[in-house]
Amino acid sequence: MKKWYKEDWTFSIEVTSVGKKNAPTECRIGLEPGDTFACAYECPAGFCSKSMLKVFPILEAARSGGNLQNLGGDAPGQMTVLCPDGVVKYRITAKQANP
């Protein structure tokens, strides 16, 4: 793969909780609290593809200059979301590379 486009935004996706016991056995792919994924535009390696369906529109909103608080976020560039299965909670943090 040859990346040719310099992305303006980077994202951190951190697992903050998993199920009722915070055990990896409660997540189909074994995610644990503290697992962190970094990405710009691509899907991060090892990240849940089902969760990416829910996370990607949030990344696009931030990437286009949107304030995530307008979508229920914790701060302009931060939002907490639950995976589609209702098991894993993620904290998404958006950072503009060159403001």
PDB file of N, CA and C in Angstrom:
ATOM      1  N   MET A   1       0.846  -1.171   0.000  1.00  0.00           N
ATOM      2  CA  MET A   1       0.000   0.000   0.000  1.00  0.00           C
ATOM      3  C   MET A   1       0.893   1.237   0.000  1.00  0.00           C
ATOM      4  N   LYS A   2       0.516   2.210  -0.814  1.00  0.00           N
ATOM      5  CA  LYS A   2       1.236   3.482  -0.869  1.00  0.00           C
ATOM      6  C   LYS A   2       0.293   4.594  -0.444  1.00  0.00           C
ATOM      7  N   LYS A   3       0.506   5.074   0.764  1.00  0.00           N
ATOM      8  CA  LYS A   3      -0.300   6.209   1.215  1.00  0.00           C
ATOM      9  C   LYS A   3       0.225   7.457   0.531  1.00  0.00           C
ATOM     10  N   TRP A   4      -0.665   8.213  -0.040  1.00  0.00           N
ATOM     11  CA  TRP A   4      -0.258   9.423  -0.749  1.00  0.00           C
ATOM     12  C   TRP A   4      -0.924  10.668  -0.174  1.00  0.00           C
ATOM     13  N   TYR A   5      -1.943  10.476   0.666  1.00  0.00           N
ATOM     14  CA  TYR A   5      -2.704  11.604   1.193  1.00  0.00           C
ATOM     15  C   TYR A   5      -2.347  11.826   2.656  1.00  0.00           C
ATOM     16  N   LYS A   6      -1.991  13.047   3.012  1.00  0.00           N
ATOM     17  CA  LYS A   6      -1.684  13.378   4.398  1.00  0.00           C
ATOM     18  C   LYS A   6      -2.978  13.755   5.111  1.00  0.00           C
ATOM     19  N   GLU A   7      -3.388  12.913   6.030  1.00  0.00           N
ATOM     20  CA  GLU A   7      -4.633  13.143   6.766  1.00  0.00           C
ATOM     21  C   GLU A   7      -4.500  14.320   7.729  1.00  0.00           C
ATOM     22  N   ASP A   8      -5.574  15.082   7.870  1.00  0.00           N
ATOM     23  CA  ASP A   8      -5.599  16.241   8.762  1.00  0.00           C
ATOM     24  C   ASP A   8      -6.010  15.886  10.183  1.00  0.00           C
ATOM     25  N   TRP A   9      -6.594  14.703  10.372  1.00  0.00           N
ATOM     26  CA  TRP A   9      -7.102  14.298  11.673  1.00  0.00           C
ATOM     27  C   TRP A   9      -6.564  12.934  12.057  1.00  0.00           C
ATOM     28  N   THR A  10      -6.337  12.750  13.359  1.00  0.00           N
ATOM     29  CA  THR A  10      -5.988  11.442  13.901  1.00  0.00           C
ATOM     30  C   THR A  10      -6.980  11.124  15.016  1.00  0.00           C
ATOM     31  N   PHE A  11      -7.169   9.853  15.250  1.00  0.00           N
ATOM     32  CA  PHE A  11      -8.158   9.418  16.228  1.00  0.00           C
ATOM     33  C   PHE A  11      -7.589   8.350  17.140  1.00  0.00           C
ATOM     34  N   SER A  12      -8.012   8.403  18.374  1.00  0.00           N
ATOM     35  CA  SER A  12      -7.703   7.379  19.357  1.00  0.00           C
ATOM     36  C   SER A  12      -9.035   6.781  19.780  1.00  0.00           C
ATOM     37  N   ILE A  13      -9.103   5.461  19.791  1.00  0.00           N
ATOM     38  CA  ILE A  13     -10.308   4.763  20.224  1.00  0.00           C
ATOM     39  C   ILE A  13      -9.896   3.855  21.377  1.00  0.00           C
ATOM     40  N   GLU A  14     -10.341   4.193  22.575  1.00  0.00           N
ATOM     41  CA  GLU A  14      -9.948   3.443  23.772  1.00  0.00           C
ATOM     42  C   GLU A  14     -11.130   2.659  24.319  1.00  0.00           C
ATOM     43  N   VAL A  15     -10.889   1.412  24.673  1.00  0.00           N
ATOM     44  CA  VAL A  15     -11.912   0.590  25.325  1.00  0.00           C
ATOM     45  C   VAL A  15     -11.952   1.007  26.788  1.00  0.00           C
ATOM     46  N   THR A  16     -13.121   1.476  27.245  1.00  0.00           N
ATOM     47  CA  THR A  16     -13.236   1.913  28.637  1.00  0.00           C
ATOM     48  C   THR A  16     -13.930   0.881  29.517  1.00  0.00           C
ATOM     49  N   SER A  17     -14.784   0.059  28.936  1.00  0.00           N
ATOM     50  CA  SER A  17     -15.406  -1.019  29.708  1.00  0.00           C
ATOM     51  C   SER A  17     -15.887  -2.115  28.769  1.00  0.00           C
ATOM     52  N   VAL A  18     -15.999  -3.324  29.327  1.00  0.00           N
ATOM     53  CA  VAL A  18     -16.455  -4.479  28.558  1.00  0.00           C
ATOM     54  C   VAL A  18     -17.442  -5.256  29.415  1.00  0.00           C
ATOM     55  N   GLY A  19     -18.704  -5.234  29.030  1.00  0.00           N
ATOM     56  CA  GLY A  19     -19.729  -5.983  29.741  1.00  0.00           C
ATOM     57  C   GLY A  19     -19.868  -5.585  31.202  1.00  0.00           C
ATOM     58  N   LYS A  20     -20.446  -6.466  31.979  1.00  0.00           N
ATOM     59  CA  LYS A  20     -20.682  -6.182  33.394  1.00  0.00           C
ATOM     60  C   LYS A  20     -19.480  -6.501  34.265  1.00  0.00           C
ATOM     61  N   LYS A  21     -18.590  -7.376  33.779  1.00  0.00           N
ATOM     62  CA  LYS A  21     -17.451  -7.811  34.580  1.00  0.00           C
ATOM     63  C   LYS A  21     -16.114  -7.273  34.078  1.00  0.00           C
ATOM     64  N   ASN A  22     -16.125  -6.476  33.007  1.00  0.00           N
ATOM     65  CA  ASN A  22     -14.895  -5.979  32.385  1.00  0.00           C
ATOM     66  C   ASN A  22     -13.947  -7.121  32.027  1.00  0.00           C
ATOM     67  N   ALA A  23     -14.503  -8.208  31.555  1.00  0.00           N
ATOM     68  CA  ALA A  23     -13.714  -9.389  31.196  1.00  0.00           C
ATOM     69  C   ALA A  23     -13.673  -9.553  29.683  1.00  0.00           C
ATOM     70  N   PRO A  24     -12.510  -9.921  29.121  1.00  0.00           N
ATOM     71  CA  PRO A  24     -12.410 -10.101  27.680  1.00  0.00           C
ATOM     72  C   PRO A  24     -13.344 -11.189  27.148  1.00  0.00           C
ATOM     73  N   THR A  25     -13.755 -12.104  28.007  1.00  0.00           N
ATOM     74  CA  THR A  25     -14.656 -13.172  27.574  1.00  0.00           C
ATOM     75  C   THR A  25     -16.066 -12.657  27.296  1.00  0.00           C
ATOM     76  N   GLU A  26     -16.336 -11.419  27.655  1.00  0.00           N
ATOM     77  CA  GLU A  26     -17.648 -10.839  27.379  1.00  0.00           C
ATOM     78  C   GLU A  26     -17.719 -10.198  25.994  1.00  0.00           C
ATOM     79  N   CYS A  27     -16.564 -10.057  25.335  1.00  0.00           N
ATOM     80  CA  CYS A  27     -16.491  -9.488  23.989  1.00  0.00           C
ATOM     81  C   CYS A  27     -16.109 -10.595  23.021  1.00  0.00           C
ATOM     82  N   ARG A  28     -16.795 -10.662  21.916  1.00  0.00           N
ATOM     83  CA  ARG A  28     -16.550 -11.728  20.941  1.00  0.00           C
ATOM     84  C   ARG A  28     -15.101 -11.784  20.448  1.00  0.00           C
ATOM     85  N   ILE A  29     -14.437 -10.598  20.317  1.00  0.00           N
ATOM     86  CA  ILE A  29     -13.048 -10.610  19.852  1.00  0.00           C
ATOM     87  C   ILE A  29     -12.046 -10.431  20.995  1.00  0.00           C
ATOM     88  N   GLY A  30     -12.523 -10.403  22.232  1.00  0.00           N
ATOM     89  CA  GLY A  30     -11.639 -10.380  23.393  1.00  0.00           C
ATOM     90  C   GLY A  30     -11.077  -9.031  23.780  1.00  0.00           C
ATOM     91  N   LEU A  31     -11.764  -7.946  23.434  1.00  0.00           N
ATOM     92  CA  LEU A  31     -11.278  -6.622  23.831  1.00  0.00           C
ATOM     93  C   LEU A  31     -11.330  -6.482  25.353  1.00  0.00           C
ATOM     94  N   GLU A  32     -10.393  -5.684  25.879  1.00  0.00           N
ATOM     95  CA  GLU A  32     -10.297  -5.438  27.312  1.00  0.00           C
ATOM     96  C   GLU A  32     -10.218  -3.941  27.586  1.00  0.00           C
ATOM     97  N   PRO A  33     -10.660  -3.508  28.771  1.00  0.00           N
ATOM     98  CA  PRO A  33     -10.493  -2.099  29.122  1.00  0.00           C
ATOM     99  C   PRO A  33      -9.017  -1.712  29.017  1.00  0.00           C
ATOM    100  N   GLY A  34      -8.766  -0.560  28.427  1.00  0.00           N
ATOM    101  CA  GLY A  34      -7.401  -0.083  28.237  1.00  0.00           C
ATOM    102  C   GLY A  34      -6.864  -0.345  26.842  1.00  0.00           C
ATOM    103  N   ASP A  35      -7.475  -1.282  26.100  1.00  0.00           N
ATOM    104  CA  ASP A  35      -7.050  -1.480  24.713  1.00  0.00           C
ATOM    105  C   ASP A  35      -7.269  -0.179  23.960  1.00  0.00           C
ATOM    106  N   THR A  36      -6.276   0.236  23.189  1.00  0.00           N
ATOM    107  CA  THR A  36      -6.351   1.499  22.466  1.00  0.00           C
ATOM    108  C   THR A  36      -5.966   1.281  21.011  1.00  0.00           C
ATOM    109  N   PHE A  37      -6.711   1.933  20.127  1.00  0.00           N
ATOM    110  CA  PHE A  37      -6.483   1.844  18.691  1.00  0.00           C
ATOM    111  C   PHE A  37      -6.269   3.246  18.155  1.00  0.00           C
ATOM    112  N   ALA A  38      -5.303   3.398  17.269  1.00  0.00           N
ATOM    113  CA  ALA A  38      -5.032   4.686  16.634  1.00  0.00           C
ATOM    114  C   ALA A  38      -5.310   4.555  15.144  1.00  0.00           C
ATOM    115  N   CYS A  39      -5.899   5.605  14.586  1.00  0.00           N
ATOM    116  CA  CYS A  39      -6.155   5.594  13.147  1.00  0.00           C
ATOM    117  C   CYS A  39      -6.281   7.021  12.638  1.00  0.00           C
ATOM    118  N   ALA A  40      -6.291   7.142  11.336  1.00  0.00           N
ATOM    119  CA  ALA A  40      -6.549   8.422  10.684  1.00  0.00           C
ATOM    120  C   ALA A  40      -7.817   8.250   9.845  1.00  0.00           C
ATOM    121  N   TYR A  41      -7.710   7.532   8.743  1.00  0.00           N
ATOM    122  CA  TYR A  41      -8.882   7.266   7.912  1.00  0.00           C
ATOM    123  C   TYR A  41      -9.211   5.784   7.884  1.00  0.00           C
ATOM    124  N   GLU A  42      -8.186   4.959   7.985  1.00  0.00           N
ATOM    125  CA  GLU A  42      -8.353   3.524   7.859  1.00  0.00           C
ATOM    126  C   GLU A  42      -8.950   2.894   9.128  1.00  0.00           C
ATOM    127  N   CYS A  43      -9.420   1.681   8.985  1.00  0.00           N
ATOM    128  CA  CYS A  43      -9.881   0.901  10.130  1.00  0.00           C
ATOM    129  C   CYS A  43      -8.637   0.387  10.863  1.00  0.00           C
ATOM    130  N   PRO A  44      -8.539   0.624  12.162  1.00  0.00           N
ATOM    131  CA  PRO A  44      -7.344   0.177  12.879  1.00  0.00           C
ATOM    132  C   PRO A  44      -7.240  -1.347  12.909  1.00  0.00           C
ATOM    133  N   ALA A  45      -6.019  -1.853  12.818  1.00  0.00           N
ATOM    134  CA  ALA A  45      -5.781  -3.297  12.868  1.00  0.00           C
ATOM    135  C   ALA A  45      -6.282  -3.860  14.196  1.00  0.00           C
ATOM    136  N   GLY A  46      -7.025  -4.952  14.119  1.00  0.00           N
ATOM    137  CA  GLY A  46      -7.525  -5.623  15.310  1.00  0.00           C
ATOM    138  C   GLY A  46      -8.797  -5.044  15.882  1.00  0.00           C
ATOM    139  N   PHE A  47      -9.291  -3.946  15.284  1.00  0.00           N
ATOM    140  CA  PHE A  47     -10.512  -3.322  15.792  1.00  0.00           C
ATOM    141  C   PHE A  47     -11.733  -4.091  15.285  1.00  0.00           C
ATOM    142  N   CYS A  48     -12.778  -4.091  16.048  1.00  0.00           N
ATOM    143  CA  CYS A  48     -14.015  -4.802  15.703  1.00  0.00           C
ATOM    144  C   CYS A  48     -14.687  -4.152  14.492  1.00  0.00           C
ATOM    145  N   SER A  49     -14.874  -4.933  13.433  1.00  0.00           N
ATOM    146  CA  SER A  49     -15.479  -4.381  12.213  1.00  0.00           C
ATOM    147  C   SER A  49     -16.929  -3.967  12.440  1.00  0.00           C
ATOM    148  N   LYS A  50     -17.631  -4.665  13.300  1.00  0.00           N
ATOM    149  CA  LYS A  50     -19.019  -4.303  13.597  1.00  0.00           C
ATOM    150  C   LYS A  50     -19.072  -2.947  14.319  1.00  0.00           C
ATOM    151  N   SER A  51     -18.138  -2.726  15.235  1.00  0.00           N
ATOM    152  CA  SER A  51     -18.083  -1.441  15.939  1.00  0.00           C
ATOM    153  C   SER A  51     -17.659  -0.317  15.002  1.00  0.00           C
ATOM    154  N   MET A  52     -16.822  -0.638  14.012  1.00  0.00           N
ATOM    155  CA  MET A  52     -16.369   0.383  13.063  1.00  0.00           C
ATOM    156  C   MET A  52     -17.540   0.969  12.300  1.00  0.00           C
ATOM    157  N   LEU A  53     -18.566   0.173  12.058  1.00  0.00           N
ATOM    158  CA  LEU A  53     -19.763   0.683  11.378  1.00  0.00           C
ATOM    159  C   LEU A  53     -20.408   1.814  12.171  1.00  0.00           C
ATOM    160  N   LYS A  54     -20.331   1.731  13.488  1.00  0.00           N
ATOM    161  CA  LYS A  54     -20.914   2.762  14.342  1.00  0.00           C
ATOM    162  C   LYS A  54     -19.948   3.928  14.566  1.00  0.00           C
ATOM    163  N   VAL A  55     -18.659   3.619  14.653  1.00  0.00           N
ATOM    164  CA  VAL A  55     -17.640   4.629  14.945  1.00  0.00           C
ATOM    165  C   VAL A  55     -17.335   5.513  13.736  1.00  0.00           C
ATOM    166  N   PHE A  56     -17.305   4.939  12.536  1.00  0.00           N
ATOM    167  CA  PHE A  56     -16.897   5.684  11.353  1.00  0.00           C
ATOM    168  C   PHE A  56     -17.678   6.976  11.124  1.00  0.00           C
ATOM    169  N   PRO A  57     -19.018   6.985  11.237  1.00  0.00           N
ATOM    170  CA  PRO A  57     -19.729   8.256  11.048  1.00  0.00           C
ATOM    171  C   PRO A  57     -19.329   9.331  12.066  1.00  0.00           C
ATOM    172  N   ILE A  58     -18.950   8.917  13.259  1.00  0.00           N
ATOM    173  CA  ILE A  58     -18.491   9.868  14.282  1.00  0.00           C
ATOM    174  C   ILE A  58     -17.137  10.446  13.873  1.00  0.00           C
ATOM    175  N   LEU A  59     -16.268   9.593  13.355  1.00  0.00           N
ATOM    176  CA  LEU A  59     -14.968  10.070  12.867  1.00  0.00           C
ATOM    177  C   LEU A  59     -15.157  11.049  11.714  1.00  0.00           C
ATOM    178  N   GLU A  60     -16.088  10.737  10.830  1.00  0.00           N
ATOM    179  CA  GLU A  60     -16.372  11.634   9.697  1.00  0.00           C
ATOM    180  C   GLU A  60     -16.911  12.980  10.171  1.00  0.00           C
ATOM    181  N   ALA A  61     -17.752  12.974  11.194  1.00  0.00           N
ATOM    182  CA  ALA A  61     -18.289  14.229  11.731  1.00  0.00           C
ATOM    183  C   ALA A  61     -17.156  15.098  12.273  1.00  0.00           C
ATOM    184  N   ALA A  62     -16.245  14.499  13.024  1.00  0.00           N
ATOM    185  CA  ALA A  62     -15.105  15.247  13.563  1.00  0.00           C
ATOM    186  C   ALA A  62     -14.194  15.712  12.434  1.00  0.00           C
ATOM    187  N   ARG A  63     -13.943  14.825  11.477  1.00  0.00           N
ATOM    188  CA  ARG A  63     -13.048  15.131  10.354  1.00  0.00           C
ATOM    189  C   ARG A  63     -13.556  16.323   9.531  1.00  0.00           C
ATOM    190  N   SER A  64     -14.856  16.486   9.479  1.00  0.00           N
ATOM    191  CA  SER A  64     -15.418  17.590   8.702  1.00  0.00           C
ATOM    192  C   SER A  64     -15.600  18.855   9.550  1.00  0.00           C
ATOM    193  N   GLY A  65     -15.013  18.856  10.740  1.00  0.00           N
ATOM    194  CA  GLY A  65     -15.030  20.055  11.579  1.00  0.00           C
ATOM    195  C   GLY A  65     -16.183  20.126  12.553  1.00  0.00           C
ATOM    196  N   GLY A  66     -16.941  19.050  12.667  1.00  0.00           N
ATOM    197  CA  GLY A  66     -18.088  19.044  13.574  1.00  0.00           C
ATOM    198  C   GLY A  66     -17.683  18.973  15.034  1.00  0.00           C
ATOM    199  N   ASN A  67     -18.529  19.525  15.876  1.00  0.00           N
ATOM    200  CA  ASN A  67     -18.351  19.486  17.322  1.00  0.00           C
ATOM    201  C   ASN A  67     -19.076  18.242  17.828  1.00  0.00           C
ATOM    202  N   LEU A  68     -18.348  17.292  18.407  1.00  0.00           N
ATOM    203  CA  LEU A  68     -18.960  16.044  18.843  1.00  0.00           C
ATOM    204  C   LEU A  68     -19.936  16.229  20.003  1.00  0.00           C
ATOM    205  N   GLN A  69     -19.878  17.373  20.678  1.00  0.00           N
ATOM    206  CA  GLN A  69     -20.869  17.653  21.721  1.00  0.00           C
ATOM    207  C   GLN A  69     -22.263  17.780  21.116  1.00  0.00           C
ATOM    208  N   ASN A  70     -22.344  18.190  19.861  1.00  0.00           N
ATOM    209  CA  ASN A  70     -23.640  18.285  19.190  1.00  0.00           C
ATOM    210  C   ASN A  70     -24.262  16.912  18.955  1.00  0.00           C
ATOM    211  N   LEU A  71     -23.443  15.860  19.047  1.00  0.00           N
ATOM    212  CA  LEU A  71     -23.930  14.486  18.880  1.00  0.00           C
ATOM    213  C   LEU A  71     -24.000  13.753  20.212  1.00  0.00           C
ATOM    214  N   GLY A  72     -23.858  14.498  21.309  1.00  0.00           N
ATOM    215  CA  GLY A  72     -23.887  13.886  22.640  1.00  0.00           C
ATOM    216  C   GLY A  72     -22.509  13.591  23.189  1.00  0.00           C
ATOM    217  N   GLY A  73     -21.480  14.171  22.581  1.00  0.00           N
ATOM    218  CA  GLY A  73     -20.109  13.935  23.022  1.00  0.00           C
ATOM    219  C   GLY A  73     -19.784  14.594  24.342  1.00  0.00           C
ATOM    220  N   ASP A  74     -18.667  14.161  24.925  1.00  0.00           N
ATOM    221  CA  ASP A  74     -18.212  14.665  26.217  1.00  0.00           C
ATOM    222  C   ASP A  74     -17.479  15.997  26.086  1.00  0.00           C
ATOM    223  N   ALA A  75     -16.922  16.258  24.917  1.00  0.00           N
ATOM    224  CA  ALA A  75     -16.159  17.473  24.625  1.00  0.00           C
ATOM    225  C   ALA A  75     -16.213  17.662  23.110  1.00  0.00           C
ATOM    226  N   PRO A  76     -15.757  18.819  22.602  1.00  0.00           N
ATOM    227  CA  PRO A  76     -15.827  19.038  21.152  1.00  0.00           C
ATOM    228  C   PRO A  76     -15.160  17.932  20.325  1.00  0.00           C
ATOM    229  N   GLY A  77     -14.070  17.350  20.815  1.00  0.00           N
ATOM    230  CA  GLY A  77     -13.370  16.311  20.076  1.00  0.00           C
ATOM    231  C   GLY A  77     -13.364  14.965  20.771  1.00  0.00           C
ATOM    232  N   GLN A  78     -14.362  14.738  21.625  1.00  0.00           N
ATOM    233  CA  GLN A  78     -14.390  13.473  22.362  1.00  0.00           C
ATOM    234  C   GLN A  78     -15.817  12.976  22.538  1.00  0.00           C
ATOM    235  N   MET A  79     -15.966  11.659  22.388  1.00  0.00           N
ATOM    236  CA  MET A  79     -17.296  11.068  22.509  1.00  0.00           C
ATOM    237  C   MET A  79     -17.172   9.637  23.019  1.00  0.00           C
ATOM    238  N   THR A  80     -18.115   9.226  23.831  1.00  0.00           N
ATOM    239  CA  THR A  80     -18.176   7.858  24.329  1.00  0.00           C
ATOM    240  C   THR A  80     -19.321   7.158  23.615  1.00  0.00           C
ATOM    241  N   VAL A  81     -19.051   5.961  23.086  1.00  0.00           N
ATOM    242  CA  VAL A  81     -20.083   5.197  22.370  1.00  0.00           C
ATOM    243  C   VAL A  81     -20.061   3.744  22.823  1.00  0.00           C
ATOM    244  N   LEU A  82     -21.191   3.104  22.695  1.00  0.00           N
ATOM    245  CA  LEU A  82     -21.356   1.702  23.011  1.00  0.00           C
ATOM    246  C   LEU A  82     -21.368   0.914  21.712  1.00  0.00           C
ATOM    247  N   CYS A  83     -20.738  -0.242  21.704  1.00  0.00           N
ATOM    248  CA  CYS A  83     -20.707  -1.055  20.489  1.00  0.00           C
ATOM    249  C   CYS A  83     -22.110  -1.507  20.108  1.00  0.00           C
ATOM    250  N   PRO A  84     -22.321  -1.920  18.866  1.00  0.00           N
ATOM    251  CA  PRO A  84     -23.651  -2.334  18.420  1.00  0.00           C
ATOM    252  C   PRO A  84     -24.253  -3.478  19.241  1.00  0.00           C
ATOM    253  N   ASP A  85     -23.402  -4.303  19.856  1.00  0.00           N
ATOM    254  CA  ASP A  85     -23.904  -5.406  20.680  1.00  0.00           C
ATOM    255  C   ASP A  85     -24.221  -4.966  22.109  1.00  0.00           C
ATOM    256  N   GLY A  86     -23.879  -3.723  22.449  1.00  0.00           N
ATOM    257  CA  GLY A  86     -24.157  -3.202  23.786  1.00  0.00           C
ATOM    258  C   GLY A  86     -23.210  -3.733  24.850  1.00  0.00           C
ATOM    259  N   VAL A  87     -22.016  -4.164  24.447  1.00  0.00           N
ATOM    260  CA  VAL A  87     -21.078  -4.776  25.383  1.00  0.00           C
ATOM    261  C   VAL A  87     -19.865  -3.891  25.648  1.00  0.00           C
ATOM    262  N   VAL A  88     -19.246  -3.377  24.601  1.00  0.00           N
ATOM    263  CA  VAL A  88     -17.998  -2.624  24.732  1.00  0.00           C
ATOM    264  C   VAL A  88     -18.272  -1.132  24.641  1.00  0.00           C
ATOM    265  N   LYS A  89     -17.691  -0.384  25.594  1.00  0.00           N
ATOM    266  CA  LYS A  89     -17.808   1.074  25.575  1.00  0.00           C
ATOM    267  C   LYS A  89     -16.459   1.642  25.153  1.00  0.00           C
ATOM    268  N   TYR A  90     -16.505   2.551  24.182  1.00  0.00           N
ATOM    269  CA  TYR A  90     -15.304   3.178  23.633  1.00  0.00           C
ATOM    270  C   TYR A  90     -15.304   4.670  23.908  1.00  0.00           C
ATOM    271  N   ARG A  91     -14.098   5.228  24.110  1.00  0.00           N
ATOM    272  CA  ARG A  91     -13.924   6.679  24.154  1.00  0.00           C
ATOM    273  C   ARG A  91     -13.155   7.059  22.894  1.00  0.00           C
ATOM    274  N   ILE A  92     -13.791   7.864  22.059  1.00  0.00           N
ATOM    275  CA  ILE A  92     -13.180   8.325  20.813  1.00  0.00           C
ATOM    276  C   ILE A  92     -12.628   9.725  21.051  1.00  0.00           C
ATOM    277  N   THR A  93     -11.374   9.926  20.684  1.00  0.00           N
ATOM    278  CA  THR A  93     -10.762  11.245  20.809  1.00  0.00           C
ATOM    279  C   THR A  93     -10.222  11.649  19.443  1.00  0.00           C
ATOM    280  N   ALA A  94     -10.660  12.809  18.968  1.00  0.00           N
ATOM    281  CA  ALA A  94     -10.246  13.344  17.663  1.00  0.00           C
ATOM    282  C   ALA A  94      -9.245  14.458  17.883  1.00  0.00           C
ATOM    283  N   LYS A  95      -8.163  14.435  17.090  1.00  0.00           N
ATOM    284  CA  LYS A  95      -7.153  15.494  17.176  1.00  0.00           C
ATOM    285  C   LYS A  95      -6.831  15.952  15.767  1.00  0.00           C
ATOM    286  N   GLN A  96      -6.890  17.261  15.585  1.00  0.00           N
ATOM    287  CA  GLN A  96      -6.521  17.819  14.290  1.00  0.00           C
ATOM    288  C   GLN A  96      -5.010  17.879  14.208  1.00  0.00           C
ATOM    289  N   ALA A  97      -4.451  17.315  13.139  1.00  0.00           N
ATOM    290  CA  ALA A  97      -2.989  17.217  12.996  1.00  0.00           C
ATOM    291  C   ALA A  97      -2.328  18.579  12.849  1.00  0.00           C
ATOM    292  N   ASN A  98      -2.873  19.439  12.010  1.00  0.00           N
ATOM    293  CA  ASN A  98      -2.315  20.770  11.767  1.00  0.00           C
ATOM    294  C   ASN A  98      -3.425  21.805  11.818  1.00  0.00           C
ATOM    295  N   PRO A  99      -3.784  22.218  13.047  1.00  0.00           N
ATOM    296  CA  PRO A  99      -4.904  23.187  13.150  1.00  0.00           C
ATOM    297  C   PRO A  99      -4.617  24.519  12.513  1.00  0.00           C
TER     298      PRO A  99
END
